[in-house]
Amino acid sequence: MSTITKKELVNRIADRIGQPKVLTRDVIQMFLDEIVKELGTGNRLEFREFGVFEIRKRSARKAQNPRTLDKVHVPPKHVVKFKVGRQMKAVVDAIAAAVQAAAPVTKV
């Protein structure tokens, strides 16, 4: 498994649509900025069949430092949650199964 960067996605999309990489990068960045802005204002973003982004509030809690075993207070915070859509889940599962089936079997 490898990590794909925004730059790599920009290159792939620019090649597919035949547009300059600079324009493609700007459009992708604007899209990401809009998602962040909407989540920051507390809105829920729903992309049918892809998934849903929403903000959830985590309550304050007590935690323990594993190194010192001291009790520490963790303040409340907002976190982004993503729920996978049906179509995305099905496609990812199918691709993962195909990749796993194509992988060579190694003996231990």
PDB file of N, CA and C in Angstrom:
ATOM      1  N   MET A   1       0.853  -1.167   0.000  1.00  0.00           N
ATOM      2  CA  MET A   1       0.000   0.000   0.000  1.00  0.00           C
ATOM      3  C   MET A   1       0.901   1.232   0.000  1.00  0.00           C
ATOM      4  N   SER A   2       0.536   2.237  -0.786  1.00  0.00           N
ATOM      5  CA  SER A   2       1.347   3.446  -0.853  1.00  0.00           C
ATOM      6  C   SER A   2       0.475   4.668  -0.606  1.00  0.00           C
ATOM      7  N   THR A   3       1.130   5.791  -0.443  1.00  0.00           N
ATOM      8  CA  THR A   3       0.435   7.054  -0.214  1.00  0.00           C
ATOM      9  C   THR A   3       0.379   7.825  -1.523  1.00  0.00           C
ATOM     10  N   ILE A   4      -0.792   8.343  -1.833  1.00  0.00           N
ATOM     11  CA  ILE A   4      -0.974   9.163  -3.025  1.00  0.00           C
ATOM     12  C   ILE A   4      -1.119  10.611  -2.558  1.00  0.00           C
ATOM     13  N   THR A   5      -0.347  11.498  -3.146  1.00  0.00           N
ATOM     14  CA  THR A   5      -0.382  12.909  -2.756  1.00  0.00           C
ATOM     15  C   THR A   5      -1.352  13.687  -3.637  1.00  0.00           C
ATOM     16  N   LYS A   6      -1.650  14.903  -3.197  1.00  0.00           N
ATOM     17  CA  LYS A   6      -2.505  15.776  -3.988  1.00  0.00           C
ATOM     18  C   LYS A   6      -1.863  16.040  -5.346  1.00  0.00           C
ATOM     19  N   LYS A   7      -0.557  16.186  -5.370  1.00  0.00           N
ATOM     20  CA  LYS A   7       0.154  16.440  -6.619  1.00  0.00           C
ATOM     21  C   LYS A   7      -0.076  15.297  -7.608  1.00  0.00           C
ATOM     22  N   GLU A   8      -0.001  14.066  -7.133  1.00  0.00           N
ATOM     23  CA  GLU A   8      -0.228  12.911  -7.996  1.00  0.00           C
ATOM     24  C   GLU A   8      -1.667  12.901  -8.522  1.00  0.00           C
ATOM     25  N   LEU A   9      -2.625  13.207  -7.663  1.00  0.00           N
ATOM     26  CA  LEU A   9      -4.020  13.275  -8.114  1.00  0.00           C
ATOM     27  C   LEU A   9      -4.209  14.369  -9.149  1.00  0.00           C
ATOM     28  N   VAL A  10      -3.595  15.519  -8.928  1.00  0.00           N
ATOM     29  CA  VAL A  10      -3.672  16.623  -9.889  1.00  0.00           C
ATOM     30  C   VAL A  10      -3.123  16.166 -11.236  1.00  0.00           C
ATOM     31  N   ASN A  11      -1.982  15.502 -11.242  1.00  0.00           N
ATOM     32  CA  ASN A  11      -1.377  15.024 -12.480  1.00  0.00           C
ATOM     33  C   ASN A  11      -2.303  14.046 -13.213  1.00  0.00           C
ATOM     34  N   ARG A  12      -2.880  13.097 -12.475  1.00  0.00           N
ATOM     35  CA  ARG A  12      -3.771  12.106 -13.088  1.00  0.00           C
ATOM     36  C   ARG A  12      -5.010  12.774 -13.700  1.00  0.00           C
ATOM     37  N   ILE A  13      -5.633  13.661 -12.921  1.00  0.00           N
ATOM     38  CA  ILE A  13      -6.861  14.304 -13.385  1.00  0.00           C
ATOM     39  C   ILE A  13      -6.568  15.236 -14.560  1.00  0.00           C
ATOM     40  N   ALA A  14      -5.490  15.998 -14.486  1.00  0.00           N
ATOM     41  CA  ALA A  14      -5.130  16.907 -15.578  1.00  0.00           C
ATOM     42  C   ALA A  14      -4.906  16.122 -16.871  1.00  0.00           C
ATOM     43  N   ASP A  15      -4.249  14.982 -16.771  1.00  0.00           N
ATOM     44  CA  ASP A  15      -4.015  14.151 -17.951  1.00  0.00           C
ATOM     45  C   ASP A  15      -5.331  13.607 -18.525  1.00  0.00           C
ATOM     46  N   ARG A  16      -6.240  13.201 -17.635  1.00  0.00           N
ATOM     47  CA  ARG A  16      -7.521  12.639 -18.095  1.00  0.00           C
ATOM     48  C   ARG A  16      -8.406  13.669 -18.770  1.00  0.00           C
ATOM     49  N   ILE A  17      -8.426  14.903 -18.248  1.00  0.00           N
ATOM     50  CA  ILE A  17      -9.338  15.910 -18.800  1.00  0.00           C
ATOM     51  C   ILE A  17      -8.667  16.828 -19.802  1.00  0.00           C
ATOM     52  N   GLY A  18      -7.360  16.684 -19.962  1.00  0.00           N
ATOM     53  CA  GLY A  18      -6.646  17.486 -20.948  1.00  0.00           C
ATOM     54  C   GLY A  18      -6.566  18.963 -20.597  1.00  0.00           C
ATOM     55  N   GLN A  19      -6.503  19.268 -19.327  1.00  0.00           N
ATOM     56  CA  GLN A  19      -6.386  20.647 -18.863  1.00  0.00           C
ATOM     57  C   GLN A  19      -5.014  20.845 -18.214  1.00  0.00           C
ATOM     58  N   PRO A  20      -4.565  22.102 -18.137  1.00  0.00           N
ATOM     59  CA  PRO A  20      -3.271  22.358 -17.487  1.00  0.00           C
ATOM     60  C   PRO A  20      -3.294  21.940 -16.018  1.00  0.00           C
ATOM     61  N   LYS A  21      -2.146  21.492 -15.548  1.00  0.00           N
ATOM     62  CA  LYS A  21      -2.041  21.056 -14.154  1.00  0.00           C
ATOM     63  C   LYS A  21      -2.312  22.195 -13.184  1.00  0.00           C
ATOM     64  N   VAL A  22      -1.920  23.406 -13.547  1.00  0.00           N
ATOM     65  CA  VAL A  22      -2.137  24.565 -12.666  1.00  0.00           C
ATOM     66  C   VAL A  22      -3.633  24.803 -12.472  1.00  0.00           C
ATOM     67  N   LEU A  23      -4.404  24.750 -13.548  1.00  0.00           N
ATOM     68  CA  LEU A  23      -5.854  24.940 -13.460  1.00  0.00           C
ATOM     69  C   LEU A  23      -6.494  23.816 -12.660  1.00  0.00           C
ATOM     70  N   THR A  24      -6.087  22.593 -12.930  1.00  0.00           N
ATOM     71  CA  THR A  24      -6.622  21.437 -12.211  1.00  0.00           C
ATOM     72  C   THR A  24      -6.314  21.536 -10.724  1.00  0.00           C
ATOM     73  N   ARG A  25      -5.072  21.914 -10.390  1.00  0.00           N
ATOM     74  CA  ARG A  25      -4.686  22.072  -8.984  1.00  0.00           C
ATOM     75  C   ARG A  25      -5.540  23.130  -8.301  1.00  0.00           C
ATOM     76  N   ASP A  26      -5.760  24.263  -8.989  1.00  0.00           N
ATOM     77  CA  ASP A  26      -6.559  25.341  -8.406  1.00  0.00           C
ATOM     78  C   ASP A  26      -7.998  24.913  -8.156  1.00  0.00           C
ATOM     79  N   VAL A  27      -8.578  24.166  -9.086  1.00  0.00           N
ATOM     80  CA  VAL A  27      -9.959  23.701  -8.912  1.00  0.00           C
ATOM     81  C   VAL A  27     -10.049  22.726  -7.742  1.00  0.00           C
ATOM     82  N   ILE A  28      -9.113  21.790  -7.677  1.00  0.00           N
ATOM     83  CA  ILE A  28      -9.114  20.827  -6.569  1.00  0.00           C
ATOM     84  C   ILE A  28      -8.926  21.548  -5.240  1.00  0.00           C
ATOM     85  N   GLN A  29      -8.014  22.533  -5.188  1.00  0.00           N
ATOM     86  CA  GLN A  29      -7.783  23.262  -3.947  1.00  0.00           C
ATOM     87  C   GLN A  29      -9.017  24.058  -3.543  1.00  0.00           C
ATOM     88  N   MET A  30      -9.707  24.672  -4.512  1.00  0.00           N
ATOM     89  CA  MET A  30     -10.941  25.407  -4.198  1.00  0.00           C
ATOM     90  C   MET A  30     -12.000  24.467  -3.635  1.00  0.00           C
ATOM     91  N   PHE A  31     -12.100  23.277  -4.221  1.00  0.00           N
ATOM     92  CA  PHE A  31     -13.053  22.280  -3.740  1.00  0.00           C
ATOM     93  C   PHE A  31     -12.747  21.895  -2.287  1.00  0.00           C
ATOM     94  N   LEU A  32     -11.486  21.615  -2.006  1.00  0.00           N
ATOM     95  CA  LEU A  32     -11.094  21.257  -0.642  1.00  0.00           C
ATOM     96  C   LEU A  32     -11.318  22.417   0.329  1.00  0.00           C
ATOM     97  N   ASP A  33     -11.005  23.646  -0.106  1.00  0.00           N
ATOM     98  CA  ASP A  33     -11.225  24.826   0.744  1.00  0.00           C
ATOM     99  C   ASP A  33     -12.697  24.988   1.087  1.00  0.00           C
ATOM    100  N   GLU A  34     -13.580  24.741   0.112  1.00  0.00           N
ATOM    101  CA  GLU A  34     -15.018  24.855   0.354  1.00  0.00           C
ATOM    102  C   GLU A  34     -15.493  23.798   1.351  1.00  0.00           C
ATOM    103  N   ILE A  35     -14.963  22.589   1.249  1.00  0.00           N
ATOM    104  CA  ILE A  35     -15.326  21.538   2.211  1.00  0.00           C
ATOM    105  C   ILE A  35     -14.928  21.968   3.614  1.00  0.00           C
ATOM    106  N   VAL A  36     -13.698  22.461   3.765  1.00  0.00           N
ATOM    107  CA  VAL A  36     -13.214  22.889   5.085  1.00  0.00           C
ATOM    108  C   VAL A  36     -14.062  24.041   5.616  1.00  0.00           C
ATOM    109  N   LYS A  37     -14.395  25.002   4.755  1.00  0.00           N
ATOM    110  CA  LYS A  37     -15.194  26.156   5.175  1.00  0.00           C
ATOM    111  C   LYS A  37     -16.580  25.714   5.643  1.00  0.00           C
ATOM    112  N   GLU A  38     -17.207  24.846   4.894  1.00  0.00           N
ATOM    113  CA  GLU A  38     -18.546  24.380   5.274  1.00  0.00           C
ATOM    114  C   GLU A  38     -18.513  23.584   6.573  1.00  0.00           C
ATOM    115  N   LEU A  39     -17.529  22.720   6.730  1.00  0.00           N
ATOM    116  CA  LEU A  39     -17.409  21.968   7.986  1.00  0.00           C
ATOM    117  C   LEU A  39     -17.125  22.916   9.148  1.00  0.00           C
ATOM    118  N   GLY A  40     -16.313  23.939   8.899  1.00  0.00           N
ATOM    119  CA  GLY A  40     -15.994  24.912   9.945  1.00  0.00           C
ATOM    120  C   GLY A  40     -17.208  25.685  10.428  1.00  0.00           C
ATOM    121  N   THR A  41     -18.175  25.901   9.551  1.00  0.00           N
ATOM    122  CA  THR A  41     -19.393  26.612   9.957  1.00  0.00           C
ATOM    123  C   THR A  41     -20.441  25.660  10.518  1.00  0.00           C
ATOM    124  N   GLY A  42     -20.084  24.383  10.616  1.00  0.00           N
ATOM    125  CA  GLY A  42     -20.990  23.414  11.240  1.00  0.00           C
ATOM    126  C   GLY A  42     -21.913  22.697  10.272  1.00  0.00           C
ATOM    127  N   ASN A  43     -21.735  22.904   8.990  1.00  0.00           N
ATOM    128  CA  ASN A  43     -22.594  22.253   8.003  1.00  0.00           C
ATOM    129  C   ASN A  43     -22.141  20.828   7.735  1.00  0.00           C
ATOM    130  N   ARG A  44     -23.091  20.035   7.306  1.00  0.00           N
ATOM    131  CA  ARG A  44     -22.866  18.638   6.947  1.00  0.00           C
ATOM    132  C   ARG A  44     -22.767  18.578   5.433  1.00  0.00           C
ATOM    133  N   LEU A  45     -21.789  17.840   4.905  1.00  0.00           N
ATOM    134  CA  LEU A  45     -21.635  17.702   3.458  1.00  0.00           C
ATOM    135  C   LEU A  45     -21.979  16.281   3.053  1.00  0.00           C
ATOM    136  N   GLU A  46     -22.921  16.156   2.135  1.00  0.00           N
ATOM    137  CA  GLU A  46     -23.349  14.841   1.683  1.00  0.00           C
ATOM    138  C   GLU A  46     -23.098  14.713   0.194  1.00  0.00           C
ATOM    139  N   PHE A  47     -22.300  13.738  -0.173  1.00  0.00           N
ATOM    140  CA  PHE A  47     -22.037  13.420  -1.565  1.00  0.00           C
ATOM    141  C   PHE A  47     -22.674  12.055  -1.808  1.00  0.00           C
ATOM    142  N   ARG A  48     -23.804  12.051  -2.484  1.00  0.00           N
ATOM    143  CA  ARG A  48     -24.569  10.810  -2.700  1.00  0.00           C
ATOM    144  C   ARG A  48     -23.673   9.696  -3.221  1.00  0.00           C
ATOM    145  N   GLU A  49     -23.848   8.519  -2.647  1.00  0.00           N
ATOM    146  CA  GLU A  49     -23.123   7.304  -3.010  1.00  0.00           C
ATOM    147  C   GLU A  49     -21.631   7.349  -2.698  1.00  0.00           C
ATOM    148  N   PHE A  50     -21.098   8.517  -2.303  1.00  0.00           N
ATOM    149  CA  PHE A  50     -19.692   8.628  -1.926  1.00  0.00           C
ATOM    150  C   PHE A  50     -19.563   8.587  -0.414  1.00  0.00           C
ATOM    151  N   GLY A  51     -20.241   9.520   0.264  1.00  0.00           N
ATOM    152  CA  GLY A  51     -20.180   9.537   1.709  1.00  0.00           C
ATOM    153  C   GLY A  51     -20.612  10.876   2.278  1.00  0.00           C
ATOM    154  N   VAL A  52     -20.558  10.969   3.602  1.00  0.00           N
ATOM    155  CA  VAL A  52     -21.011  12.150   4.322  1.00  0.00           C
ATOM    156  C   VAL A  52     -19.905  12.615   5.266  1.00  0.00           C
ATOM    157  N   PHE A  53     -19.588  13.918   5.195  1.00  0.00           N
ATOM    158  CA  PHE A  53     -18.674  14.550   6.143  1.00  0.00           C
ATOM    159  C   PHE A  53     -19.517  15.342   7.123  1.00  0.00           C
ATOM    160  N   GLU A  54     -19.219  15.228   8.409  1.00  0.00           N
ATOM    161  CA  GLU A  54     -19.912  16.042   9.400  1.00  0.00           C
ATOM    162  C   GLU A  54     -19.010  16.282  10.604  1.00  0.00           C
ATOM    163  N   ILE A  55     -19.346  17.313  11.360  1.00  0.00           N
ATOM    164  CA  ILE A  55     -18.601  17.663  12.560  1.00  0.00           C
ATOM    165  C   ILE A  55     -19.311  17.063  13.768  1.00  0.00           C
ATOM    166  N   ARG A  56     -18.556  16.452  14.628  1.00  0.00           N
ATOM    167  CA  ARG A  56     -19.091  15.939  15.892  1.00  0.00           C
ATOM    168  C   ARG A  56     -18.316  16.584  17.035  1.00  0.00           C
ATOM    169  N   LYS A  57     -19.011  16.855  18.117  1.00  0.00           N
ATOM    170  CA  LYS A  57     -18.359  17.444  19.278  1.00  0.00           C
ATOM    171  C   LYS A  57     -17.966  16.329  20.241  1.00  0.00           C
ATOM    172  N   ARG A  58     -16.703  16.332  20.634  1.00  0.00           N
ATOM    173  CA  ARG A  58     -16.227  15.396  21.647  1.00  0.00           C
ATOM    174  C   ARG A  58     -16.243  16.098  22.991  1.00  0.00           C
ATOM    175  N   SER A  59     -16.785  15.447  23.969  1.00  0.00           N
ATOM    176  CA  SER A  59     -16.850  16.017  25.316  1.00  0.00           C
ATOM    177  C   SER A  59     -15.472  16.006  25.969  1.00  0.00           C
ATOM    178  N   ALA A  60     -15.328  16.848  26.973  1.00  0.00           N
ATOM    179  CA  ALA A  60     -14.095  16.832  27.763  1.00  0.00           C
ATOM    180  C   ALA A  60     -14.011  15.483  28.478  1.00  0.00           C
ATOM    181  N   ARG A  61     -12.794  15.055  28.745  1.00  0.00           N
ATOM    182  CA  ARG A  61     -12.621  13.769  29.417  1.00  0.00           C
ATOM    183  C   ARG A  61     -11.302  13.749  30.169  1.00  0.00           C
ATOM    184  N   LYS A  62     -11.161  12.749  30.996  1.00  0.00           N
ATOM    185  CA  LYS A  62      -9.910  12.505  31.704  1.00  0.00           C
ATOM    186  C   LYS A  62      -9.165  11.413  30.956  1.00  0.00           C
ATOM    187  N   ALA A  63      -7.867  11.587  30.809  1.00  0.00           N
ATOM    188  CA  ALA A  63      -7.038  10.586  30.138  1.00  0.00           C
ATOM    189  C   ALA A  63      -5.802  10.339  30.999  1.00  0.00           C
ATOM    190  N   GLN A  64      -5.004   9.388  30.590  1.00  0.00           N
ATOM    191  CA  GLN A  64      -3.798   9.050  31.343  1.00  0.00           C
ATOM    192  C   GLN A  64      -2.602   9.090  30.408  1.00  0.00           C
ATOM    193  N   ASN A  65      -1.564   9.787  30.848  1.00  0.00           N
ATOM    194  CA  ASN A  65      -0.318   9.812  30.088  1.00  0.00           C
ATOM    195  C   ASN A  65       0.319   8.432  30.232  1.00  0.00           C
ATOM    196  N   PRO A  66       0.520   7.712  29.132  1.00  0.00           N
ATOM    197  CA  PRO A  66       1.043   6.348  29.251  1.00  0.00           C
ATOM    198  C   PRO A  66       2.485   6.278  29.750  1.00  0.00           C
ATOM    199  N   ARG A  67       3.224   7.345  29.559  1.00  0.00           N
ATOM    200  CA  ARG A  67       4.621   7.350  29.983  1.00  0.00           C
ATOM    201  C   ARG A  67       4.748   7.608  31.485  1.00  0.00           C
ATOM    202  N   THR A  68       3.995   8.612  31.993  1.00  0.00           N
ATOM    203  CA  THR A  68       4.124   8.990  33.401  1.00  0.00           C
ATOM    204  C   THR A  68       2.984   8.471  34.258  1.00  0.00           C
ATOM    205  N   LEU A  69       1.925   7.987  33.629  1.00  0.00           N
ATOM    206  CA  LEU A  69       0.709   7.512  34.291  1.00  0.00           C
ATOM    207  C   LEU A  69      -0.040   8.629  35.027  1.00  0.00           C
ATOM    208  N   ASP A  70       0.323   9.887  34.752  1.00  0.00           N
ATOM    209  CA  ASP A  70      -0.397  11.019  35.337  1.00  0.00           C
ATOM    210  C   ASP A  70      -1.744  11.177  34.654  1.00  0.00           C
ATOM    211  N   LYS A  71      -2.751  11.583  35.438  1.00  0.00           N
ATOM    212  CA  LYS A  71      -4.068  11.880  34.888  1.00  0.00           C
ATOM    213  C   LYS A  71      -4.017  13.280  34.276  1.00  0.00           C
ATOM    214  N   VAL A  72      -4.574  13.428  33.082  1.00  0.00           N
ATOM    215  CA  VAL A  72      -4.603  14.724  32.411  1.00  0.00           C
ATOM    216  C   VAL A  72      -6.015  15.017  31.933  1.00  0.00           C
ATOM    217  N   HIS A  73      -6.325  16.313  31.863  1.00  0.00           N
ATOM    218  CA  HIS A  73      -7.630  16.750  31.379  1.00  0.00           C
ATOM    219  C   HIS A  73      -7.530  16.986  29.869  1.00  0.00           C
ATOM    220  N   VAL A  74      -8.448  16.388  29.121  1.00  0.00           N
ATOM    221  CA  VAL A  74      -8.510  16.606  27.680  1.00  0.00           C
ATOM    222  C   VAL A  74      -9.737  17.491  27.425  1.00  0.00           C
ATOM    223  N   PRO A  75      -9.527  18.686  26.888  1.00  0.00           N
ATOM    224  CA  PRO A  75     -10.652  19.603  26.688  1.00  0.00           C
ATOM    225  C   PRO A  75     -11.589  19.124  25.572  1.00  0.00           C
ATOM    226  N   PRO A  76     -12.803  19.659  25.544  1.00  0.00           N
ATOM    227  CA  PRO A  76     -13.714  19.287  24.456  1.00  0.00           C
ATOM    228  C   PRO A  76     -13.179  19.783  23.114  1.00  0.00           C
ATOM    229  N   LYS A  77     -13.545  19.095  22.056  1.00  0.00           N
ATOM    230  CA  LYS A  77     -13.099  19.530  20.735  1.00  0.00           C
ATOM    231  C   LYS A  77     -14.081  19.030  19.677  1.00  0.00           C
ATOM    232  N   HIS A  78     -13.937  19.588  18.483  1.00  0.00           N
ATOM    233  CA  HIS A  78     -14.749  19.175  17.348  1.00  0.00           C
ATOM    234  C   HIS A  78     -13.889  18.306  16.436  1.00  0.00           C
ATOM    235  N   VAL A  79     -14.463  17.214  15.947  1.00  0.00           N
ATOM    236  CA  VAL A  79     -13.749  16.318  15.052  1.00  0.00           C
ATOM    237  C   VAL A  79     -14.589  16.078  13.798  1.00  0.00           C
ATOM    238  N   VAL A  80     -13.917  15.819  12.696  1.00  0.00           N
ATOM    239  CA  VAL A  80     -14.595  15.526  11.443  1.00  0.00           C
ATOM    240  C   VAL A  80     -14.832  14.025  11.362  1.00  0.00           C
ATOM    241  N   LYS A  81     -16.052  13.648  11.069  1.00  0.00           N
ATOM    242  CA  LYS A  81     -16.402  12.244  10.883  1.00  0.00           C
ATOM    243  C   LYS A  81     -16.773  12.033   9.422  1.00  0.00           C
ATOM    244  N   PHE A  82     -16.418  10.886   8.882  1.00  0.00           N
ATOM    245  CA  PHE A  82     -16.773  10.541   7.513  1.00  0.00           C
ATOM    246  C   PHE A  82     -17.464   9.196   7.513  1.00  0.00           C
ATOM    247  N   LYS A  83     -18.646   9.159   6.912  1.00  0.00           N
ATOM    248  CA  LYS A  83     -19.387   7.905   6.784  1.00  0.00           C
ATOM    249  C   LYS A  83     -19.388   7.528   5.312  1.00  0.00           C
ATOM    250  N   VAL A  84     -18.906   6.356   4.995  1.00  0.00           N
ATOM    251  CA  VAL A  84     -18.763   5.894   3.619  1.00  0.00           C
ATOM    252  C   VAL A  84     -20.129   5.599   3.012  1.00  0.00           C
ATOM    253  N   GLY A  85     -20.306   6.016   1.764  1.00  0.00           N
ATOM    254  CA  GLY A  85     -21.531   5.727   1.023  1.00  0.00           C
ATOM    255  C   GLY A  85     -21.525   4.307   0.482  1.00  0.00           C
ATOM    256  N   ARG A  86     -22.711   3.823   0.106  1.00  0.00           N
ATOM    257  CA  ARG A  86     -22.844   2.434  -0.366  1.00  0.00           C
ATOM    258  C   ARG A  86     -22.022   2.147  -1.617  1.00  0.00           C
ATOM    259  N   GLN A  87     -22.136   3.028  -2.602  1.00  0.00           N
ATOM    260  CA  GLN A  87     -21.429   2.770  -3.863  1.00  0.00           C
ATOM    261  C   GLN A  87     -19.915   2.793  -3.653  1.00  0.00           C
ATOM    262  N   MET A  88     -19.424   3.755  -2.874  1.00  0.00           N
ATOM    263  CA  MET A  88     -17.984   3.823  -2.620  1.00  0.00           C
ATOM    264  C   MET A  88     -17.517   2.563  -1.901  1.00  0.00           C
ATOM    265  N   LYS A  89     -18.273   2.117  -0.923  1.00  0.00           N
ATOM    266  CA  LYS A  89     -17.911   0.910  -0.173  1.00  0.00           C
ATOM    267  C   LYS A  89     -17.855  -0.297  -1.100  1.00  0.00           C
ATOM    268  N   ALA A  90     -18.847  -0.426  -1.972  1.00  0.00           N
ATOM    269  CA  ALA A  90     -18.893  -1.558  -2.881  1.00  0.00           C
ATOM    270  C   ALA A  90     -17.711  -1.546  -3.855  1.00  0.00           C
ATOM    271  N   VAL A  91     -17.396  -0.375  -4.402  1.00  0.00           N
ATOM    272  CA  VAL A  91     -16.291  -0.271  -5.357  1.00  0.00           C
ATOM    273  C   VAL A  91     -14.955  -0.553  -4.671  1.00  0.00           C
ATOM    274  N   VAL A  92     -14.750   0.022  -3.501  1.00  0.00           N
ATOM    275  CA  VAL A  92     -13.490  -0.203  -2.769  1.00  0.00           C
ATOM    276  C   VAL A  92     -13.348  -1.679  -2.403  1.00  0.00           C
ATOM    277  N   ASP A  93     -14.432  -2.298  -1.938  1.00  0.00           N
ATOM    278  CA  ASP A  93     -14.376  -3.725  -1.601  1.00  0.00           C
ATOM    279  C   ASP A  93     -14.031  -4.573  -2.827  1.00  0.00           C
ATOM    280  N   ALA A  94     -14.635  -4.240  -3.976  1.00  0.00           N
ATOM    281  CA  ALA A  94     -14.378  -5.002  -5.205  1.00  0.00           C
ATOM    282  C   ALA A  94     -12.929  -4.848  -5.656  1.00  0.00           C
ATOM    283  N   ILE A  95     -12.419  -3.621  -5.608  1.00  0.00           N
ATOM    284  CA  ILE A  95     -11.033  -3.384  -6.022  1.00  0.00           C
ATOM    285  C   ILE A  95     -10.068  -4.084  -5.066  1.00  0.00           C
ATOM    286  N   ALA A  96     -10.327  -3.982  -3.763  1.00  0.00           N
ATOM    287  CA  ALA A  96      -9.461  -4.631  -2.777  1.00  0.00           C
ATOM    288  C   ALA A  96      -9.459  -6.146  -2.959  1.00  0.00           C
ATOM    289  N   ALA A  97     -10.612  -6.729  -3.256  1.00  0.00           N
ATOM    290  CA  ALA A  97     -10.691  -8.176  -3.475  1.00  0.00           C
ATOM    291  C   ALA A  97      -9.907  -8.575  -4.718  1.00  0.00           C
ATOM    292  N   ALA A  98     -10.002  -7.763  -5.781  1.00  0.00           N
ATOM    293  CA  ALA A  98      -9.272  -8.063  -7.007  1.00  0.00           C
ATOM    294  C   ALA A  98      -7.763  -7.966  -6.787  1.00  0.00           C
ATOM    295  N   VAL A  99      -7.332  -6.964  -6.054  1.00  0.00           N
ATOM    296  CA  VAL A  99      -5.905  -6.795  -5.764  1.00  0.00           C
ATOM    297  C   VAL A  99      -5.404  -7.963  -4.921  1.00  0.00           C
ATOM    298  N   GLN A 100      -6.193  -8.354  -3.933  1.00  0.00           N
ATOM    299  CA  GLN A 100      -5.789  -9.460  -3.068  1.00  0.00           C
ATOM    300  C   GLN A 100      -5.725 -10.776  -3.848  1.00  0.00           C
ATOM    301  N   ALA A 101      -6.661 -10.981  -4.766  1.00  0.00           N
ATOM    302  CA  ALA A 101      -6.670 -12.195  -5.560  1.00  0.00           C
ATOM    303  C   ALA A 101      -5.488 -12.249  -6.517  1.00  0.00           C
ATOM    304  N   ALA A 102      -5.039 -11.087  -6.988  1.00  0.00           N
ATOM    305  CA  ALA A 102      -3.924 -11.023  -7.911  1.00  0.00           C
ATOM    306  C   ALA A 102      -2.568 -11.099  -7.213  1.00  0.00           C
ATOM    307  N   ALA A 103      -2.551 -10.883  -5.899  1.00  0.00           N
ATOM    308  CA  ALA A 103      -1.296 -10.904  -5.154  1.00  0.00           C
ATOM    309  C   ALA A 103      -0.729 -12.317  -5.114  1.00  0.00           C
ATOM    310  N   PRO A 104       0.593 -12.435  -5.261  1.00  0.00           N
ATOM    311  CA  PRO A 104       1.196 -13.773  -5.205  1.00  0.00           C
ATOM    312  C   PRO A 104       1.108 -14.339  -3.788  1.00  0.00           C
ATOM    313  N   VAL A 105       0.923 -15.638  -3.735  1.00  0.00           N
ATOM    314  CA  VAL A 105       0.839 -16.314  -2.442  1.00  0.00           C
ATOM    315  C   VAL A 105       2.258 -16.624  -1.971  1.00  0.00           C
ATOM    316  N   THR A 106       2.574 -16.224  -0.740  1.00  0.00           N
ATOM    317  CA  THR A 106       3.903 -16.505  -0.186  1.00  0.00           C
ATOM    318  C   THR A 106       3.782 -17.516   0.925  1.00  0.00           C
ATOM    319  N   LYS A 107       4.723 -18.437   0.956  1.00  0.00           N
ATOM    320  CA  LYS A 107       4.742 -19.444   2.025  1.00  0.00           C
ATOM    321  C   LYS A 107       5.665 -18.987   3.132  1.00  0.00           C
ATOM    322  N   VAL A 108       5.260 -19.270   4.345  1.00  0.00           N
ATOM    323  CA  VAL A 108       6.061 -18.871   5.493  1.00  0.00           C
ATOM    324  C   VAL A 108       6.848 -20.043   6.009  1.00  0.00           C
TER     325      VAL A 108
END
